[in-house]
């Protein structure tokens, strides 16, 4: 069914699965150097806040027919998103497809909300007025927010024999997935926050 090399890969993965994974609890979001790669260990961080910023109508962009325009739009959109997330002290930032997400500590939920609203304001007042697709649709965003427990580990391969490493941090759990899904449900320049986010703000307001 498989070549010997492929069968060895599968057997190794199956053996590792049988051993199970260990979970280590972290109080704060770890830096890249502190995230494990090869050991059978994941890190767990509770109450992580995720802001997921996504470009709306990005399927209108074509790398083949309008490469310069496409490259410019992606650079403008993503670079601004990353820098705004960083400005509001996101502990971790990653670029995903046609957008980016930032992870914030649980005591920085207001920072996360300010980052989301700042990018939304930028998109409404600047991005959507300056740039349009060929069909006159505006370049805009949709943003999602969620908060809950995450597991993280690096998956992939280390740099071997001078070749580029093929690894990346993987964040498992609801915050990133839910924030991404909520963003995808949003209309033009809309921010959608989960019930968990609303509950935190309500508790703070009542205290």
N, C-alpha and C. Protein backbone atom coordinates (compact mmCIF):
# COMPACT_ATOMS: atom_id res chain seq x y z
N UNK A 1 0.82 -1.20 0.00
CA UNK A 1 0.00 0.00 0.00
C UNK A 1 0.86 1.26 0.00
N UNK A 2 1.92 1.26 0.84
CA UNK A 2 2.81 2.42 0.92
C UNK A 2 4.24 1.99 0.62
N UNK A 3 5.06 2.98 0.27
CA UNK A 3 6.48 2.70 0.16
C UNK A 3 7.04 2.48 1.55
N UNK A 4 8.25 1.94 1.63
CA UNK A 4 8.86 1.66 2.92
C UNK A 4 9.05 2.95 3.72
N UNK A 5 9.46 4.02 3.04
CA UNK A 5 9.69 5.30 3.73
C UNK A 5 8.39 5.85 4.34
N UNK A 6 7.31 5.79 3.56
CA UNK A 6 6.02 6.28 4.06
C UNK A 6 5.51 5.42 5.20
N UNK A 7 5.69 4.11 5.08
CA UNK A 7 5.24 3.21 6.14
C UNK A 7 5.99 3.47 7.43
N UNK A 8 7.29 3.80 7.31
CA UNK A 8 8.08 4.12 8.51
C UNK A 8 7.56 5.39 9.17
N UNK A 9 7.19 6.37 8.36
CA UNK A 9 6.63 7.62 8.91
C UNK A 9 5.35 7.32 9.69
N UNK A 10 4.48 6.50 9.10
CA UNK A 10 3.21 6.16 9.74
C UNK A 10 3.44 5.36 11.02
N UNK A 11 4.36 4.41 10.98
CA UNK A 11 4.64 3.59 12.16
C UNK A 11 5.19 4.44 13.30
N UNK A 12 6.05 5.38 12.97
CA UNK A 12 6.63 6.26 13.98
C UNK A 12 5.54 7.13 14.62
N UNK A 13 4.65 7.66 13.77
CA UNK A 13 3.56 8.50 14.29
C UNK A 13 2.62 7.68 15.16
N UNK A 14 2.34 6.44 14.76
CA UNK A 14 1.45 5.57 15.53
C UNK A 14 2.07 5.23 16.88
N UNK A 15 3.39 4.97 16.89
CA UNK A 15 4.08 4.66 18.14
C UNK A 15 4.03 5.84 19.10
N UNK A 16 4.21 7.04 18.55
CA UNK A 16 4.17 8.24 19.39
C UNK A 16 2.76 8.47 19.94
N UNK A 17 1.76 8.22 19.10
CA UNK A 17 0.38 8.36 19.54
C UNK A 17 0.08 7.43 20.70
N UNK A 18 0.60 6.22 20.65
CA UNK A 18 0.37 5.24 21.70
C UNK A 18 0.99 5.68 23.03
N UNK A 19 2.07 6.45 22.96
CA UNK A 19 2.73 6.93 24.18
C UNK A 19 1.91 8.02 24.88
N UNK A 20 1.11 8.74 24.12
CA UNK A 20 0.33 9.83 24.69
C UNK A 20 1.15 11.09 24.84
N UNK A 21 0.46 12.21 25.10
CA UNK A 21 1.11 13.51 25.23
C UNK A 21 0.97 14.01 26.67
N UNK A 22 1.97 14.73 27.13
CA UNK A 22 1.93 15.35 28.46
C UNK A 22 1.50 16.81 28.31
N UNK A 23 0.84 17.32 29.34
CA UNK A 23 0.37 18.70 29.33
C UNK A 23 1.01 19.46 30.49
N UNK A 24 1.63 20.59 30.17
CA UNK A 24 2.21 21.44 31.19
C UNK A 24 1.44 22.76 31.28
N UNK A 25 1.10 23.18 32.49
CA UNK A 25 0.31 24.38 32.68
C UNK A 25 1.20 25.61 32.71
N UNK A 26 0.83 26.63 31.94
CA UNK A 26 1.55 27.91 31.91
C UNK A 26 0.60 29.02 32.35
N UNK A 27 1.11 29.94 33.14
CA UNK A 27 0.30 31.07 33.58
C UNK A 27 0.16 32.13 32.49
N UNK A 28 1.22 32.26 31.67
CA UNK A 28 1.22 33.29 30.63
C UNK A 28 1.52 32.67 29.27
N UNK A 29 1.18 33.39 28.22
CA UNK A 29 1.45 32.94 26.86
C UNK A 29 2.96 32.86 26.65
N UNK A 30 3.50 31.72 26.27
CA UNK A 30 4.96 31.58 26.14
C UNK A 30 5.49 32.21 24.87
N UNK A 31 6.76 32.57 24.90
CA UNK A 31 7.43 33.05 23.69
C UNK A 31 7.77 31.86 22.82
N UNK A 32 8.14 32.13 21.58
CA UNK A 32 8.43 31.06 20.63
C UNK A 32 9.50 30.09 21.11
N UNK A 33 10.54 30.62 21.79
CA UNK A 33 11.64 29.77 22.26
C UNK A 33 11.21 28.83 23.38
N UNK A 34 10.13 29.17 24.07
CA UNK A 34 9.67 28.35 25.20
C UNK A 34 8.62 27.32 24.81
N UNK A 35 8.25 27.30 23.54
CA UNK A 35 7.24 26.35 23.07
C UNK A 35 7.92 25.08 22.59
N UNK A 36 7.57 23.92 23.17
CA UNK A 36 8.27 22.68 22.84
C UNK A 36 8.02 22.22 21.41
N UNK A 37 9.00 21.47 20.88
CA UNK A 37 8.89 20.96 19.51
C UNK A 37 8.85 19.44 19.49
N UNK A 38 9.93 18.79 19.88
CA UNK A 38 10.03 17.35 19.65
C UNK A 38 9.56 16.49 20.82
N UNK A 39 9.58 17.02 22.02
CA UNK A 39 9.15 16.22 23.17
C UNK A 39 7.64 16.02 23.13
N UNK A 40 7.19 14.96 23.84
CA UNK A 40 5.75 14.67 23.90
C UNK A 40 5.08 15.56 24.95
N UNK A 41 5.12 16.84 24.71
CA UNK A 41 4.58 17.77 25.69
C UNK A 41 3.93 18.97 25.01
N UNK A 42 2.72 19.31 25.48
CA UNK A 42 2.02 20.52 25.06
C UNK A 42 1.92 21.45 26.26
N UNK A 43 1.79 22.73 25.99
CA UNK A 43 1.59 23.71 27.05
C UNK A 43 0.13 24.14 27.05
N UNK A 44 -0.42 24.30 28.24
CA UNK A 44 -1.81 24.75 28.38
C UNK A 44 -1.82 26.13 29.04
N UNK A 45 -2.56 27.05 28.42
CA UNK A 45 -2.73 28.39 28.98
C UNK A 45 -4.23 28.68 29.04
N UNK A 46 -4.71 29.04 30.21
CA UNK A 46 -6.14 29.30 30.40
C UNK A 46 -6.49 30.75 30.09
N UNK A 47 -7.71 30.96 29.64
CA UNK A 47 -8.28 32.30 29.45
C UNK A 47 -7.45 33.18 28.52
N UNK A 48 -7.05 32.64 27.40
CA UNK A 48 -6.33 33.41 26.38
C UNK A 48 -7.36 34.13 25.50
N UNK A 49 -7.10 35.40 25.21
CA UNK A 49 -7.99 36.19 24.36
C UNK A 49 -7.40 36.25 22.95
N UNK A 50 -8.22 35.94 21.96
CA UNK A 50 -7.79 35.98 20.56
C UNK A 50 -8.57 37.03 19.78
N UNK A 51 -7.83 37.84 19.02
CA UNK A 51 -8.42 38.76 18.06
C UNK A 51 -8.00 38.30 16.68
N UNK A 52 -8.96 37.95 15.85
CA UNK A 52 -8.69 37.45 14.49
C UNK A 52 -9.18 38.49 13.49
N UNK A 53 -8.24 39.06 12.73
CA UNK A 53 -8.55 40.09 11.73
C UNK A 53 -8.41 39.48 10.35
N UNK A 54 -9.47 39.53 9.57
CA UNK A 54 -9.49 38.87 8.27
C UNK A 54 -9.92 39.86 7.18
N UNK A 55 -9.37 39.72 6.00
CA UNK A 55 -9.76 40.58 4.89
C UNK A 55 -11.03 40.05 4.24
N UNK A 56 -12.00 40.93 4.03
CA UNK A 56 -13.25 40.52 3.40
C UNK A 56 -13.14 40.67 1.88
N UNK A 57 -13.77 39.76 1.15
CA UNK A 57 -13.77 39.76 -0.32
C UNK A 57 -12.39 39.54 -0.92
N UNK A 58 -11.51 38.90 -0.16
CA UNK A 58 -10.14 38.69 -0.66
C UNK A 58 -10.08 37.74 -1.86
N UNK A 59 -11.15 36.96 -2.07
CA UNK A 59 -11.16 36.06 -3.23
C UNK A 59 -11.18 36.84 -4.54
N UNK A 60 -11.45 38.15 -4.44
CA UNK A 60 -11.45 38.99 -5.65
C UNK A 60 -10.02 39.24 -6.14
N UNK A 61 -9.04 39.01 -5.26
CA UNK A 61 -7.65 39.29 -5.62
C UNK A 61 -7.05 38.12 -6.39
N UNK A 62 -6.30 38.44 -7.42
CA UNK A 62 -5.69 37.41 -8.26
C UNK A 62 -4.19 37.63 -8.33
N UNK A 63 -3.43 36.62 -7.93
CA UNK A 63 -1.98 36.71 -7.99
C UNK A 63 -1.48 36.62 -9.43
N UNK A 64 -2.32 36.09 -10.32
CA UNK A 64 -1.91 35.92 -11.72
C UNK A 64 -2.22 37.15 -12.56
N UNK A 65 -3.43 37.70 -12.42
CA UNK A 65 -3.86 38.78 -13.29
C UNK A 65 -3.50 40.17 -12.78
N UNK A 66 -3.42 40.32 -11.47
CA UNK A 66 -3.16 41.65 -10.90
C UNK A 66 -2.18 41.52 -9.74
N UNK A 67 -1.00 41.02 -10.06
CA UNK A 67 -0.05 40.67 -9.01
C UNK A 67 0.42 41.87 -8.18
N UNK A 68 0.70 43.00 -8.82
CA UNK A 68 1.19 44.16 -8.07
C UNK A 68 0.12 44.70 -7.13
N UNK A 69 -1.12 44.77 -7.64
CA UNK A 69 -2.23 45.26 -6.81
C UNK A 69 -2.47 44.31 -5.64
N UNK A 70 -2.48 43.01 -5.92
CA UNK A 70 -2.71 42.01 -4.89
C UNK A 70 -1.64 42.08 -3.81
N UNK A 71 -0.38 42.16 -4.24
CA UNK A 71 0.73 42.23 -3.28
C UNK A 71 0.63 43.49 -2.42
N UNK A 72 0.28 44.60 -3.04
CA UNK A 72 0.18 45.87 -2.32
C UNK A 72 -0.93 45.84 -1.28
N UNK A 73 -2.09 45.27 -1.66
CA UNK A 73 -3.23 45.19 -0.74
C UNK A 73 -2.89 44.30 0.45
N UNK A 74 -2.31 43.14 0.19
CA UNK A 74 -1.95 42.23 1.28
C UNK A 74 -0.94 42.87 2.22
N UNK A 75 0.05 43.56 1.64
CA UNK A 75 1.06 44.22 2.46
C UNK A 75 0.43 45.29 3.34
N UNK A 76 -0.41 46.12 2.76
CA UNK A 76 -1.06 47.22 3.46
C UNK A 76 -1.94 46.69 4.59
N UNK A 77 -2.77 45.71 4.26
CA UNK A 77 -3.73 45.15 5.21
C UNK A 77 -3.02 44.42 6.35
N UNK A 78 -2.19 43.45 5.99
CA UNK A 78 -1.60 42.57 6.99
C UNK A 78 -0.56 43.28 7.84
N UNK A 79 0.26 44.10 7.22
CA UNK A 79 1.29 44.81 7.98
C UNK A 79 0.66 45.73 9.02
N UNK A 80 -0.42 46.41 8.62
CA UNK A 80 -1.12 47.29 9.56
C UNK A 80 -1.75 46.49 10.70
N UNK A 81 -2.37 45.35 10.37
CA UNK A 81 -2.98 44.51 11.40
C UNK A 81 -1.95 44.04 12.41
N UNK A 82 -0.83 43.55 11.92
CA UNK A 82 0.22 43.04 12.81
C UNK A 82 0.74 44.14 13.72
N UNK A 83 0.98 45.32 13.15
CA UNK A 83 1.55 46.41 13.94
C UNK A 83 0.54 46.96 14.97
N UNK A 84 -0.73 46.97 14.63
CA UNK A 84 -1.75 47.40 15.60
C UNK A 84 -1.87 46.38 16.72
N UNK A 85 -1.88 45.10 16.41
CA UNK A 85 -1.93 44.06 17.44
C UNK A 85 -0.71 44.18 18.36
N UNK A 86 0.43 44.41 17.78
CA UNK A 86 1.65 44.55 18.57
C UNK A 86 1.61 45.81 19.44
N UNK A 87 1.08 46.90 18.89
CA UNK A 87 0.99 48.16 19.63
C UNK A 87 0.17 47.98 20.91
N UNK A 88 -0.87 47.16 20.83
CA UNK A 88 -1.71 46.94 22.00
C UNK A 88 -1.26 45.73 22.83
N UNK A 89 -0.01 45.33 22.62
CA UNK A 89 0.66 44.37 23.51
C UNK A 89 0.16 42.94 23.39
N UNK A 90 -0.13 42.50 22.18
CA UNK A 90 -0.42 41.07 21.97
C UNK A 90 0.84 40.27 22.30
N UNK A 91 0.68 39.17 23.02
CA UNK A 91 1.83 38.34 23.41
C UNK A 91 2.30 37.46 22.27
N UNK A 92 1.41 37.15 21.34
CA UNK A 92 1.75 36.31 20.18
C UNK A 92 0.96 36.80 18.99
N UNK A 93 1.63 36.88 17.83
CA UNK A 93 0.97 37.32 16.60
C UNK A 93 1.36 36.37 15.48
N UNK A 94 0.39 36.00 14.68
CA UNK A 94 0.67 35.13 13.54
C UNK A 94 -0.13 35.61 12.33
N UNK A 95 0.46 35.45 11.16
CA UNK A 95 -0.22 35.80 9.90
C UNK A 95 -0.85 34.53 9.35
N UNK A 96 -2.13 34.59 9.06
CA UNK A 96 -2.85 33.44 8.54
C UNK A 96 -3.59 33.84 7.28
N UNK A 97 -3.20 33.30 6.14
CA UNK A 97 -3.90 33.56 4.89
C UNK A 97 -3.95 35.04 4.59
N UNK A 98 -5.16 35.58 4.54
CA UNK A 98 -5.34 37.00 4.21
C UNK A 98 -5.65 37.83 5.44
N UNK A 99 -5.05 37.46 6.55
CA UNK A 99 -5.25 38.23 7.77
C UNK A 99 -4.23 37.85 8.83
N UNK A 100 -4.54 38.19 10.07
CA UNK A 100 -3.63 37.91 11.17
C UNK A 100 -4.43 37.75 12.46
N UNK A 101 -3.83 37.06 13.44
CA UNK A 101 -4.47 37.00 14.74
C UNK A 101 -3.45 37.30 15.83
N UNK A 102 -3.95 37.84 16.93
CA UNK A 102 -3.11 38.12 18.08
C UNK A 102 -3.69 37.47 19.31
N UNK A 103 -2.81 36.98 20.18
CA UNK A 103 -3.22 36.38 21.44
C UNK A 103 -2.81 37.29 22.59
N UNK A 104 -3.74 37.52 23.51
CA UNK A 104 -3.53 38.43 24.63
C UNK A 104 -3.73 37.70 25.94
N UNK A 105 -2.99 38.13 26.96
CA UNK A 105 -3.18 37.59 28.30
C UNK A 105 -4.59 37.93 28.80
N UNK A 106 -5.08 37.14 29.75
CA UNK A 106 -6.45 37.32 30.24
C UNK A 106 -6.68 38.67 30.90
N UNK A 107 -5.60 39.27 31.45
CA UNK A 107 -5.75 40.58 32.09
C UNK A 107 -5.60 41.73 31.10
N UNK A 108 -5.53 41.39 29.80
CA UNK A 108 -5.41 42.42 28.77
C UNK A 108 -6.55 42.34 27.76
N UNK A 109 -7.74 41.99 28.27
CA UNK A 109 -8.88 41.89 27.38
C UNK A 109 -9.25 43.25 26.79
N UNK A 110 -9.03 44.32 27.57
CA UNK A 110 -9.29 45.66 27.03
C UNK A 110 -8.28 46.02 25.94
N UNK A 111 -7.04 45.58 26.12
CA UNK A 111 -6.03 45.80 25.08
C UNK A 111 -6.48 45.12 23.78
N UNK A 112 -6.97 43.89 23.93
CA UNK A 112 -7.42 43.13 22.76
C UNK A 112 -8.59 43.84 22.07
N UNK A 113 -9.55 44.30 22.87
CA UNK A 113 -10.70 45.00 22.32
C UNK A 113 -10.29 46.30 21.62
N UNK A 114 -9.35 47.02 22.23
CA UNK A 114 -8.86 48.27 21.62
C UNK A 114 -8.15 47.99 20.30
N UNK A 115 -7.39 46.89 20.24
CA UNK A 115 -6.73 46.53 18.99
C UNK A 115 -7.75 46.24 17.90
N UNK A 116 -8.80 45.48 18.25
CA UNK A 116 -9.85 45.15 17.28
C UNK A 116 -10.57 46.41 16.80
N UNK A 117 -10.93 47.28 17.72
CA UNK A 117 -11.66 48.50 17.35
C UNK A 117 -10.78 49.47 16.57
N UNK A 118 -9.49 49.51 16.89
CA UNK A 118 -8.58 50.39 16.16
C UNK A 118 -8.45 49.96 14.71
N UNK A 119 -8.31 48.65 14.49
CA UNK A 119 -8.21 48.19 13.10
C UNK A 119 -9.53 48.39 12.37
N UNK A 120 -10.63 48.15 13.05
CA UNK A 120 -11.95 48.38 12.45
C UNK A 120 -12.08 49.85 12.02
N UNK A 121 -11.65 50.77 12.86
CA UNK A 121 -11.71 52.19 12.54
C UNK A 121 -10.83 52.53 11.35
N UNK A 122 -9.62 51.95 11.33
CA UNK A 122 -8.72 52.12 10.19
C UNK A 122 -9.37 51.62 8.91
N UNK A 123 -10.01 50.47 8.98
CA UNK A 123 -10.63 49.88 7.79
C UNK A 123 -11.79 50.72 7.29
N UNK A 124 -12.63 51.21 8.22
CA UNK A 124 -13.80 52.00 7.84
C UNK A 124 -13.39 53.35 7.23
N UNK A 125 -12.47 54.03 7.89
CA UNK A 125 -12.17 55.41 7.53
C UNK A 125 -11.05 55.58 6.52
N UNK A 126 -10.21 54.58 6.38
CA UNK A 126 -9.07 54.72 5.47
C UNK A 126 -9.07 53.63 4.40
N UNK A 127 -8.97 52.38 4.83
CA UNK A 127 -8.83 51.28 3.87
C UNK A 127 -9.99 51.20 2.89
N UNK A 128 -11.22 51.24 3.42
CA UNK A 128 -12.40 51.09 2.57
C UNK A 128 -12.62 52.28 1.63
N UNK A 129 -12.07 53.42 1.98
CA UNK A 129 -12.24 54.61 1.13
C UNK A 129 -11.13 54.74 0.09
N UNK A 130 -10.00 54.10 0.34
CA UNK A 130 -8.85 54.26 -0.55
C UNK A 130 -8.73 53.18 -1.61
N UNK A 131 -9.17 51.96 -1.28
CA UNK A 131 -8.90 50.83 -2.17
C UNK A 131 -10.19 50.10 -2.52
N UNK A 132 -10.34 49.76 -3.80
CA UNK A 132 -11.48 48.98 -4.27
C UNK A 132 -11.00 47.89 -5.22
N UNK A 133 -11.77 46.81 -5.25
CA UNK A 133 -11.48 45.73 -6.19
C UNK A 133 -11.96 46.14 -7.58
N UNK A 134 -11.70 45.29 -8.56
CA UNK A 134 -12.09 45.60 -9.95
C UNK A 134 -13.59 45.79 -10.10
N UNK A 135 -14.39 45.07 -9.29
CA UNK A 135 -15.84 45.17 -9.40
C UNK A 135 -16.40 46.26 -8.50
N UNK A 136 -15.52 47.15 -8.04
CA UNK A 136 -15.88 48.29 -7.19
C UNK A 136 -16.25 47.91 -5.76
N UNK A 137 -16.05 46.64 -5.38
CA UNK A 137 -16.25 46.27 -3.98
C UNK A 137 -15.11 46.86 -3.15
N UNK A 138 -15.45 47.29 -1.95
CA UNK A 138 -14.45 47.89 -1.08
C UNK A 138 -13.56 46.82 -0.45
N UNK A 139 -12.30 47.16 -0.26
CA UNK A 139 -11.43 46.33 0.57
C UNK A 139 -11.79 46.64 2.02
N UNK A 140 -12.16 45.64 2.77
CA UNK A 140 -12.59 45.85 4.15
C UNK A 140 -12.18 44.66 5.01
N UNK A 141 -12.61 44.66 6.25
CA UNK A 141 -12.25 43.59 7.16
C UNK A 141 -13.48 43.01 7.84
N UNK A 142 -13.29 41.87 8.46
CA UNK A 142 -14.22 41.38 9.46
C UNK A 142 -13.38 40.76 10.57
N UNK A 143 -13.81 40.98 11.82
CA UNK A 143 -12.98 40.66 12.98
C UNK A 143 -13.77 39.81 13.97
N UNK A 144 -13.10 38.81 14.54
CA UNK A 144 -13.71 37.97 15.57
C UNK A 144 -12.89 37.98 16.84
N UNK A 145 -13.56 37.81 17.98
CA UNK A 145 -12.89 37.74 19.29
C UNK A 145 -13.45 36.59 20.11
N UNK A 146 -12.57 35.89 20.79
CA UNK A 146 -13.00 34.84 21.71
C UNK A 146 -11.97 34.68 22.82
N UNK A 147 -12.34 33.94 23.85
CA UNK A 147 -11.47 33.76 25.02
C UNK A 147 -11.72 32.41 25.65
N UNK A 148 -10.68 31.60 25.80
CA UNK A 148 -10.80 30.31 26.50
C UNK A 148 -9.40 29.68 26.58
N UNK A 149 -9.37 28.41 26.98
CA UNK A 149 -8.11 27.67 27.14
C UNK A 149 -7.52 27.26 25.79
N UNK A 150 -6.19 27.33 25.69
CA UNK A 150 -5.50 26.84 24.49
C UNK A 150 -4.40 25.87 24.89
N UNK A 151 -4.08 24.98 23.96
CA UNK A 151 -2.89 24.13 24.05
C UNK A 151 -1.97 24.55 22.91
N UNK A 152 -0.67 24.57 23.17
CA UNK A 152 0.26 24.99 22.12
C UNK A 152 1.49 24.10 22.11
N UNK A 153 1.97 23.88 20.90
CA UNK A 153 3.21 23.14 20.69
C UNK A 153 3.68 23.45 19.28
N UNK A 154 4.97 23.34 19.04
CA UNK A 154 5.49 23.46 17.69
C UNK A 154 5.39 22.10 17.01
N UNK A 155 4.86 22.08 15.81
CA UNK A 155 4.81 20.86 15.02
C UNK A 155 5.60 21.07 13.74
N UNK A 156 6.28 20.04 13.33
CA UNK A 156 7.07 20.15 12.10
C UNK A 156 8.46 19.59 12.29
N UNK A 157 9.41 20.09 11.51
CA UNK A 157 10.77 19.57 11.49
C UNK A 157 11.77 20.66 11.82
N UNK A 158 12.79 20.30 12.58
CA UNK A 158 13.87 21.24 12.85
C UNK A 158 14.71 21.47 11.59
N UNK A 159 15.52 22.52 11.63
CA UNK A 159 16.45 22.78 10.54
C UNK A 159 17.49 21.68 10.50
N UNK A 160 17.58 21.00 9.35
CA UNK A 160 18.48 19.86 9.22
C UNK A 160 19.42 20.10 8.04
N UNK A 161 20.72 19.92 8.28
CA UNK A 161 21.74 20.04 7.24
C UNK A 161 21.65 21.38 6.50
N UNK A 162 21.44 22.43 7.27
CA UNK A 162 21.42 23.76 6.67
C UNK A 162 20.15 24.13 5.95
N UNK A 163 19.19 23.22 5.88
CA UNK A 163 17.93 23.50 5.20
C UNK A 163 16.99 24.27 6.11
N UNK A 164 16.07 25.00 5.50
CA UNK A 164 15.12 25.80 6.26
C UNK A 164 14.26 24.92 7.15
N UNK A 165 14.08 25.32 8.39
CA UNK A 165 13.23 24.55 9.29
C UNK A 165 11.78 24.59 8.80
N UNK A 166 11.06 23.53 9.02
CA UNK A 166 9.67 23.41 8.58
C UNK A 166 8.81 23.13 9.81
N UNK A 167 8.63 24.18 10.60
CA UNK A 167 7.87 24.03 11.84
C UNK A 167 7.07 25.30 12.10
N UNK A 168 6.05 25.15 12.92
CA UNK A 168 5.23 26.29 13.25
C UNK A 168 4.49 26.00 14.55
N UNK A 169 4.14 27.09 15.29
CA UNK A 169 3.35 26.92 16.50
C UNK A 169 1.91 26.57 16.12
N UNK A 170 1.35 25.61 16.81
CA UNK A 170 -0.04 25.21 16.59
C UNK A 170 -0.81 25.48 17.87
N UNK A 171 -1.87 26.29 17.75
CA UNK A 171 -2.68 26.66 18.91
C UNK A 171 -4.01 25.91 18.82
N UNK A 172 -4.17 24.95 19.71
CA UNK A 172 -5.36 24.09 19.70
C UNK A 172 -6.32 24.57 20.78
N UNK A 173 -7.58 24.66 20.44
CA UNK A 173 -8.58 25.11 21.40
C UNK A 173 -9.55 26.07 20.74
N UNK A 174 -10.52 26.52 21.50
CA UNK A 174 -11.59 27.33 20.93
C UNK A 174 -11.18 28.74 20.51
N UNK A 175 -10.35 29.47 21.27
CA UNK A 175 -10.16 30.90 20.96
C UNK A 175 -9.81 31.22 19.52
N UNK A 176 -8.77 30.60 18.97
CA UNK A 176 -8.36 30.91 17.60
C UNK A 176 -9.40 30.43 16.61
N UNK A 177 -9.88 29.20 16.78
CA UNK A 177 -10.88 28.65 15.85
C UNK A 177 -12.19 29.44 15.90
N UNK A 178 -12.65 29.75 17.10
CA UNK A 178 -13.91 30.47 17.23
C UNK A 178 -13.79 31.90 16.73
N UNK A 179 -12.69 32.57 17.07
CA UNK A 179 -12.48 33.93 16.59
C UNK A 179 -12.44 33.98 15.06
N UNK A 180 -11.80 32.98 14.46
CA UNK A 180 -11.74 32.90 13.01
C UNK A 180 -13.13 32.69 12.41
N UNK A 181 -13.91 31.80 13.01
CA UNK A 181 -15.26 31.53 12.50
C UNK A 181 -16.17 32.75 12.67
N UNK A 182 -16.06 33.42 13.81
CA UNK A 182 -16.87 34.61 14.04
C UNK A 182 -16.51 35.70 13.03
N UNK A 183 -15.22 35.84 12.75
CA UNK A 183 -14.79 36.83 11.75
C UNK A 183 -15.41 36.52 10.40
N UNK A 184 -15.42 35.24 10.03
CA UNK A 184 -15.95 34.86 8.72
C UNK A 184 -17.45 35.13 8.60
N UNK A 185 -18.15 35.21 9.73
CA UNK A 185 -19.58 35.48 9.72
C UNK A 185 -19.90 36.97 9.62
N UNK A 186 -18.90 37.79 9.86
CA UNK A 186 -19.12 39.22 9.93
C UNK A 186 -19.35 39.85 8.56
N UNK A 187 -20.13 40.93 8.57
CA UNK A 187 -20.30 41.73 7.37
C UNK A 187 -19.14 42.70 7.24
N UNK A 188 -19.23 43.58 6.28
CA UNK A 188 -18.16 44.54 6.00
C UNK A 188 -17.82 45.36 7.23
N UNK A 189 -16.54 45.31 7.64
CA UNK A 189 -16.02 46.06 8.78
C UNK A 189 -16.81 45.83 10.07
N UNK A 190 -17.13 44.56 10.30
CA UNK A 190 -17.90 44.21 11.49
C UNK A 190 -17.05 43.41 12.47
N UNK A 191 -17.20 43.72 13.74
CA UNK A 191 -16.53 42.98 14.81
C UNK A 191 -17.56 42.14 15.54
N UNK A 192 -17.31 40.83 15.62
CA UNK A 192 -18.20 39.92 16.35
C UNK A 192 -17.41 39.29 17.49
N UNK A 193 -17.91 39.46 18.71
CA UNK A 193 -17.28 38.88 19.89
C UNK A 193 -18.15 37.75 20.42
N UNK A 194 -17.51 36.74 20.97
CA UNK A 194 -18.25 35.59 21.51
C UNK A 194 -18.94 35.96 22.81
N UNK A 195 -19.85 35.09 23.23
CA UNK A 195 -20.55 35.29 24.50
C UNK A 195 -19.58 35.30 25.67
N UNK A 196 -18.49 34.54 25.55
CA UNK A 196 -17.50 34.52 26.62
C UNK A 196 -16.87 35.90 26.81
N UNK A 197 -16.62 36.60 25.70
CA UNK A 197 -16.06 37.95 25.79
C UNK A 197 -17.06 38.90 26.45
N UNK A 198 -18.32 38.83 26.02
CA UNK A 198 -19.36 39.68 26.60
C UNK A 198 -19.50 39.43 28.10
N UNK A 199 -19.44 38.17 28.51
CA UNK A 199 -19.59 37.83 29.92
C UNK A 199 -18.49 38.47 30.77
N UNK A 200 -17.27 38.48 30.25
CA UNK A 200 -16.16 39.09 30.99
C UNK A 200 -16.39 40.58 31.15
N UNK A 201 -16.79 41.26 30.07
CA UNK A 201 -17.05 42.69 30.16
C UNK A 201 -18.21 43.00 31.11
N UNK A 202 -19.23 42.13 31.11
CA UNK A 202 -20.36 42.33 32.01
C UNK A 202 -19.93 42.18 33.47
N UNK A 203 -19.10 41.17 33.74
CA UNK A 203 -18.62 40.97 35.11
C UNK A 203 -17.79 42.17 35.57
N UNK A 204 -16.96 42.69 34.67
CA UNK A 204 -16.13 43.85 35.02
C UNK A 204 -17.02 45.07 35.27
N UNK A 205 -18.04 45.25 34.43
CA UNK A 205 -18.94 46.41 34.57
C UNK A 205 -19.73 46.36 35.88
N UNK A 206 -20.08 45.16 36.32
CA UNK A 206 -20.90 45.01 37.54
C UNK A 206 -20.08 45.03 38.82
N UNK A 207 -18.78 44.88 38.68
CA UNK A 207 -17.92 44.80 39.88
C UNK A 207 -17.60 46.18 40.44
